[in-house]
Structures are given as C-alpha cells and as structure tokens.
C-alpha cells in the first residue's frame, strides 16, 4: 500500500475514493474518525489519508485527483452517457438518468 495524500476533510477524501473506484483503482480512506481526537493528537496525524492498494496506480490516481480538483474548464462541453445517451453538463460526473459514472479519462 502507498499513502497518496492527505484530504482536507472526510467528505473530499471519500469523493476521491469514489473517483478512483470509478476508474478501477482500489484505495482506502484512513483516519476517518480521528477528527474527534484533535488536540489530544497532533493535527497532522488526524487528517484523513488516501491510500492506494496498488502502488502502480500512483501516477494515474494523482492525475485523476488533480483533474477533479480543478473541475471542468469554463465553457467545457457537456458529455453524453455511454449507457443511456442522456446529455449532461460538464460538471456532472454521474448520469442523472441512469446512474452510470462518467469515464474520468474523457475530459
């Protein structure tokens, strides 16, 4: 396993886990519940941490998280769901019609 990075909070950390899972990358979010120990334990040890199960996924995982953190560019084109054909705006990562995730490598 490889510690990839610290998340600013559990919600964003879980979002990253979900994003990576959609791309077929196994990961785990550690320190989910240590926020309550803040003060007793140093802050840098309480932050949620994203760990990769397979170290070989590091480059792709970093690229996906970086792209997700930036969000779509202004005026980015929408996308069409490969499963049901629904047209969606660029900021959506899951089809609201059928629930199929957008392929994270498709811009």
N, C-alpha and C. Protein backbone atom coordinates (compact mmCIF):
# COMPACT_ATOMS: atom_id res chain seq x y z
N UNK A 1 0.85 -1.18 0.00
CA UNK A 1 0.00 0.00 0.00
C UNK A 1 0.89 1.23 0.00
N UNK A 2 0.33 2.31 -0.51
CA UNK A 2 1.06 3.57 -0.62
C UNK A 2 0.16 4.71 -0.15
N UNK A 3 0.67 5.52 0.79
CA UNK A 3 -0.08 6.72 1.18
C UNK A 3 0.06 7.74 0.07
N UNK A 4 -1.06 8.10 -0.55
CA UNK A 4 -1.04 9.01 -1.69
C UNK A 4 -1.03 10.45 -1.23
N UNK A 5 -1.98 10.81 -0.36
CA UNK A 5 -2.06 12.19 0.11
C UNK A 5 -3.04 12.33 1.26
N UNK A 6 -3.02 13.49 1.88
CA UNK A 6 -3.99 13.82 2.93
C UNK A 6 -5.15 14.59 2.31
N UNK A 7 -6.32 14.30 2.78
CA UNK A 7 -7.51 15.01 2.31
C UNK A 7 -7.82 16.16 3.28
N UNK A 8 -8.38 17.25 2.78
CA UNK A 8 -8.72 18.35 3.68
C UNK A 8 -9.83 18.00 4.66
N UNK A 9 -10.69 17.04 4.28
CA UNK A 9 -11.75 16.58 5.17
C UNK A 9 -12.25 15.22 4.68
N UNK A 10 -13.08 14.58 5.48
CA UNK A 10 -13.55 13.23 5.16
C UNK A 10 -14.43 13.22 3.91
N UNK A 11 -15.22 14.25 3.70
CA UNK A 11 -16.11 14.28 2.53
C UNK A 11 -15.31 14.29 1.23
N UNK A 12 -14.30 15.15 1.16
CA UNK A 12 -13.47 15.19 -0.04
C UNK A 12 -12.67 13.90 -0.17
N UNK A 13 -12.17 13.39 0.93
CA UNK A 13 -11.44 12.12 0.90
C UNK A 13 -12.29 11.00 0.33
N UNK A 14 -13.53 10.90 0.76
CA UNK A 14 -14.43 9.86 0.25
C UNK A 14 -14.76 10.10 -1.21
N UNK A 15 -14.89 11.36 -1.60
CA UNK A 15 -15.11 11.68 -3.01
C UNK A 15 -13.95 11.16 -3.86
N UNK A 16 -12.73 11.35 -3.37
CA UNK A 16 -11.55 10.85 -4.10
C UNK A 16 -11.57 9.32 -4.18
N UNK A 17 -11.94 8.65 -3.10
CA UNK A 17 -12.04 7.18 -3.12
C UNK A 17 -13.05 6.75 -4.19
N UNK A 18 -14.20 7.42 -4.24
CA UNK A 18 -15.23 7.11 -5.24
C UNK A 18 -14.73 7.37 -6.65
N UNK A 19 -14.03 8.48 -6.85
CA UNK A 19 -13.49 8.83 -8.15
C UNK A 19 -12.51 7.76 -8.63
N UNK A 20 -11.62 7.36 -7.74
CA UNK A 20 -10.64 6.33 -8.10
C UNK A 20 -11.32 4.99 -8.36
N UNK A 21 -12.33 4.64 -7.59
CA UNK A 21 -13.05 3.38 -7.79
C UNK A 21 -13.71 3.35 -9.16
N UNK A 22 -14.24 4.49 -9.60
CA UNK A 22 -14.86 4.58 -10.92
C UNK A 22 -13.85 4.27 -12.01
N UNK A 23 -12.58 4.63 -11.77
CA UNK A 23 -11.51 4.38 -12.74
C UNK A 23 -10.87 3.00 -12.54
N UNK A 24 -11.40 2.21 -11.60
CA UNK A 24 -10.88 0.87 -11.36
C UNK A 24 -9.65 0.83 -10.48
N UNK A 25 -9.43 1.90 -9.70
CA UNK A 25 -8.27 1.98 -8.81
C UNK A 25 -8.74 1.75 -7.38
N UNK A 26 -8.21 0.72 -6.75
CA UNK A 26 -8.57 0.39 -5.36
C UNK A 26 -7.82 1.31 -4.41
N UNK A 27 -8.56 1.91 -3.48
CA UNK A 27 -7.96 2.79 -2.49
C UNK A 27 -8.74 2.70 -1.19
N UNK A 28 -8.14 3.25 -0.13
CA UNK A 28 -8.79 3.26 1.18
C UNK A 28 -8.61 4.64 1.80
N UNK A 29 -9.60 5.05 2.57
CA UNK A 29 -9.51 6.30 3.32
C UNK A 29 -9.25 5.96 4.78
N UNK A 30 -8.10 6.35 5.28
CA UNK A 30 -7.72 6.09 6.66
C UNK A 30 -7.95 7.35 7.51
N UNK A 31 -8.01 7.17 8.81
CA UNK A 31 -8.19 8.26 9.79
C UNK A 31 -9.54 8.95 9.67
N UNK A 32 -10.56 8.23 9.27
CA UNK A 32 -11.90 8.81 9.13
C UNK A 32 -12.42 9.41 10.43
N UNK A 33 -12.08 8.78 11.55
CA UNK A 33 -12.73 9.14 12.81
C UNK A 33 -11.78 9.82 13.80
N UNK A 34 -10.60 10.20 13.37
CA UNK A 34 -9.64 10.81 14.29
C UNK A 34 -9.88 12.30 14.52
N UNK A 35 -10.79 12.91 13.80
CA UNK A 35 -11.07 14.33 13.99
C UNK A 35 -11.48 14.64 15.42
N UNK A 36 -12.16 13.71 16.06
CA UNK A 36 -12.58 13.91 17.45
C UNK A 36 -11.42 13.92 18.43
N UNK A 37 -10.27 13.40 18.02
CA UNK A 37 -9.09 13.37 18.88
C UNK A 37 -8.20 14.59 18.67
N UNK A 38 -8.61 15.50 17.78
CA UNK A 38 -7.82 16.70 17.51
C UNK A 38 -7.58 17.47 18.81
N UNK A 39 -6.35 17.78 19.08
CA UNK A 39 -5.97 18.42 20.33
C UNK A 39 -5.23 17.44 21.22
N UNK A 40 -5.74 16.24 21.30
CA UNK A 40 -5.06 15.17 22.02
C UNK A 40 -3.96 14.56 21.16
N UNK A 41 -4.23 14.54 19.86
CA UNK A 41 -3.29 14.04 18.86
C UNK A 41 -2.96 15.21 17.94
N UNK A 42 -1.72 15.37 17.50
CA UNK A 42 -1.37 16.47 16.60
C UNK A 42 -2.24 16.48 15.34
N UNK A 43 -2.56 17.67 14.87
CA UNK A 43 -3.48 17.84 13.74
C UNK A 43 -3.03 17.07 12.51
N UNK A 44 -1.73 17.05 12.21
CA UNK A 44 -1.27 16.36 11.00
C UNK A 44 -1.46 14.86 11.08
N UNK A 45 -1.66 14.32 12.28
CA UNK A 45 -1.91 12.89 12.42
C UNK A 45 -3.40 12.56 12.40
N UNK A 46 -4.25 13.57 12.44
CA UNK A 46 -5.70 13.36 12.45
C UNK A 46 -6.34 13.50 11.07
N UNK A 47 -5.62 14.04 10.12
CA UNK A 47 -6.20 14.29 8.79
C UNK A 47 -6.52 12.98 8.09
N UNK A 48 -7.62 12.93 7.34
CA UNK A 48 -7.92 11.74 6.54
C UNK A 48 -6.82 11.53 5.50
N UNK A 49 -6.44 10.28 5.29
CA UNK A 49 -5.38 9.94 4.35
C UNK A 49 -5.91 8.99 3.29
N UNK A 50 -5.53 9.26 2.06
CA UNK A 50 -5.92 8.39 0.95
C UNK A 50 -4.75 7.45 0.65
N UNK A 51 -5.02 6.16 0.73
CA UNK A 51 -4.01 5.12 0.50
C UNK A 51 -4.40 4.31 -0.73
N UNK A 52 -3.43 4.04 -1.59
CA UNK A 52 -3.64 3.18 -2.75
C UNK A 52 -3.31 1.74 -2.38
N UNK A 53 -4.12 0.82 -2.83
CA UNK A 53 -3.87 -0.59 -2.59
C UNK A 53 -2.68 -1.06 -3.44
N UNK A 54 -2.59 -0.58 -4.67
CA UNK A 54 -1.52 -0.97 -5.58
C UNK A 54 -0.69 0.26 -5.95
N UNK A 55 0.57 0.27 -5.58
CA UNK A 55 1.45 1.41 -5.83
C UNK A 55 1.59 1.74 -7.31
N UNK A 56 1.36 0.77 -8.16
CA UNK A 56 1.48 1.01 -9.61
C UNK A 56 0.42 1.97 -10.13
N UNK A 57 -0.62 2.23 -9.35
CA UNK A 57 -1.70 3.13 -9.77
C UNK A 57 -1.41 4.59 -9.42
N UNK A 58 -0.25 4.87 -8.83
CA UNK A 58 0.02 6.21 -8.31
C UNK A 58 -0.10 7.31 -9.36
N UNK A 59 0.56 7.18 -10.49
CA UNK A 59 0.56 8.26 -11.49
C UNK A 59 -0.86 8.57 -11.98
N UNK A 60 -1.61 7.53 -12.31
CA UNK A 60 -2.98 7.74 -12.79
C UNK A 60 -3.85 8.33 -11.69
N UNK A 61 -3.72 7.84 -10.47
CA UNK A 61 -4.52 8.35 -9.35
C UNK A 61 -4.25 9.84 -9.13
N UNK A 62 -3.01 10.23 -9.15
CA UNK A 62 -2.67 11.66 -8.97
C UNK A 62 -3.25 12.50 -10.09
N UNK A 63 -3.18 12.00 -11.31
CA UNK A 63 -3.73 12.73 -12.45
C UNK A 63 -5.24 12.91 -12.32
N UNK A 64 -5.93 11.85 -11.92
CA UNK A 64 -7.39 11.92 -11.78
C UNK A 64 -7.81 12.87 -10.67
N UNK A 65 -7.12 12.81 -9.54
CA UNK A 65 -7.47 13.69 -8.42
C UNK A 65 -7.17 15.14 -8.76
N UNK A 66 -6.06 15.37 -9.44
CA UNK A 66 -5.73 16.74 -9.86
C UNK A 66 -6.79 17.29 -10.80
N UNK A 67 -7.19 16.49 -11.77
CA UNK A 67 -8.22 16.93 -12.72
C UNK A 67 -9.54 17.19 -12.01
N UNK A 68 -9.92 16.33 -11.07
CA UNK A 68 -11.17 16.50 -10.34
C UNK A 68 -11.12 17.75 -9.46
N UNK A 69 -9.97 18.03 -8.90
CA UNK A 69 -9.83 19.20 -8.02
C UNK A 69 -9.97 20.50 -8.81
N UNK A 70 -9.53 20.49 -10.05
CA UNK A 70 -9.65 21.69 -10.88
C UNK A 70 -11.06 21.88 -11.41
N UNK A 71 -11.80 20.79 -11.59
CA UNK A 71 -13.15 20.88 -12.14
C UNK A 71 -13.10 21.17 -13.63
N UNK A 72 -14.26 21.24 -14.27
CA UNK A 72 -14.26 21.49 -15.71
C UNK A 72 -13.87 22.93 -16.01
N UNK A 73 -13.23 23.13 -17.13
CA UNK A 73 -12.87 24.48 -17.57
C UNK A 73 -14.13 25.27 -17.89
N UNK A 74 -14.04 26.58 -17.77
CA UNK A 74 -15.18 27.43 -18.13
C UNK A 74 -15.55 27.17 -19.59
N UNK A 75 -16.80 26.95 -19.82
CA UNK A 75 -17.28 26.69 -21.17
C UNK A 75 -16.99 25.28 -21.68
N UNK A 76 -16.61 24.37 -20.76
CA UNK A 76 -16.32 22.99 -21.17
C UNK A 76 -17.59 22.36 -21.76
N UNK A 77 -17.41 21.56 -22.79
CA UNK A 77 -18.58 20.92 -23.40
C UNK A 77 -19.18 19.86 -22.49
N UNK A 78 -20.45 19.62 -22.66
CA UNK A 78 -21.13 18.56 -21.92
C UNK A 78 -20.68 17.20 -22.43
N UNK A 79 -21.30 16.18 -21.90
CA UNK A 79 -20.95 14.82 -22.31
C UNK A 79 -22.21 13.99 -22.46
N UNK A 80 -22.10 12.93 -23.22
CA UNK A 80 -23.23 12.04 -23.46
C UNK A 80 -22.96 10.71 -22.75
N UNK A 81 -23.94 10.27 -21.99
CA UNK A 81 -23.82 9.00 -21.27
C UNK A 81 -23.70 7.85 -22.27
N UNK A 82 -22.67 7.03 -22.08
CA UNK A 82 -22.46 5.90 -22.97
C UNK A 82 -23.49 4.80 -22.79
N UNK A 83 -24.24 4.83 -21.68
CA UNK A 83 -25.22 3.78 -21.43
C UNK A 83 -26.61 4.14 -21.96
N UNK A 84 -27.11 5.33 -21.60
CA UNK A 84 -28.48 5.67 -21.99
C UNK A 84 -28.57 6.80 -23.02
N UNK A 85 -27.44 7.48 -23.29
CA UNK A 85 -27.45 8.53 -24.29
C UNK A 85 -27.86 9.90 -23.78
N UNK A 86 -28.14 10.04 -22.50
CA UNK A 86 -28.52 11.33 -21.92
C UNK A 86 -27.38 12.33 -22.08
N UNK A 87 -27.70 13.59 -22.39
CA UNK A 87 -26.70 14.65 -22.49
C UNK A 87 -26.63 15.37 -21.15
N UNK A 88 -25.39 15.54 -20.64
CA UNK A 88 -25.19 16.15 -19.32
C UNK A 88 -24.20 17.30 -19.41
N UNK A 89 -24.30 18.23 -18.48
CA UNK A 89 -23.35 19.34 -18.41
C UNK A 89 -22.01 18.83 -17.89
N UNK A 90 -20.95 19.58 -18.19
CA UNK A 90 -19.58 19.14 -17.91
C UNK A 90 -19.32 18.86 -16.43
N UNK A 91 -19.95 19.58 -15.52
CA UNK A 91 -19.63 19.43 -14.10
C UNK A 91 -20.20 18.15 -13.48
N UNK A 92 -21.10 17.47 -14.16
CA UNK A 92 -21.69 16.26 -13.62
C UNK A 92 -20.81 15.05 -13.91
N UNK A 93 -20.62 14.21 -12.91
CA UNK A 93 -19.76 13.04 -13.06
C UNK A 93 -20.54 11.74 -13.13
N UNK A 94 -21.85 11.81 -12.91
CA UNK A 94 -22.71 10.63 -12.97
C UNK A 94 -23.97 11.03 -13.74
N UNK A 95 -24.42 10.15 -14.60
CA UNK A 95 -25.65 10.40 -15.37
C UNK A 95 -26.85 10.43 -14.44
N UNK A 96 -27.64 11.49 -14.49
CA UNK A 96 -28.81 11.57 -13.61
C UNK A 96 -29.96 10.71 -14.12
N UNK A 97 -29.88 10.28 -15.36
CA UNK A 97 -30.93 9.43 -15.93
C UNK A 97 -30.78 7.97 -15.50
N UNK A 98 -29.54 7.43 -15.58
CA UNK A 98 -29.37 6.00 -15.31
C UNK A 98 -28.34 5.68 -14.24
N UNK A 99 -27.61 6.69 -13.77
CA UNK A 99 -26.64 6.48 -12.70
C UNK A 99 -25.27 5.97 -13.16
N UNK A 100 -25.03 5.93 -14.46
CA UNK A 100 -23.74 5.48 -14.97
C UNK A 100 -22.69 6.56 -14.74
N UNK A 101 -21.54 6.20 -14.15
CA UNK A 101 -20.49 7.21 -13.95
C UNK A 101 -19.86 7.61 -15.27
N UNK A 102 -19.44 8.87 -15.33
CA UNK A 102 -18.68 9.36 -16.48
C UNK A 102 -17.28 8.76 -16.41
N UNK A 103 -16.74 8.40 -17.54
CA UNK A 103 -15.37 7.90 -17.59
C UNK A 103 -14.45 9.07 -17.24
N UNK A 104 -13.68 9.01 -16.13
CA UNK A 104 -12.87 10.15 -15.70
C UNK A 104 -11.75 10.49 -16.68
N UNK A 105 -11.43 9.62 -17.61
CA UNK A 105 -10.39 9.91 -18.58
C UNK A 105 -10.93 10.64 -19.80
N UNK A 106 -12.24 10.83 -19.86
CA UNK A 106 -12.87 11.50 -21.01
C UNK A 106 -13.03 12.99 -20.76
N UNK A 107 -11.99 13.66 -20.33
CA UNK A 107 -12.01 15.10 -20.15
C UNK A 107 -12.82 15.64 -19.07
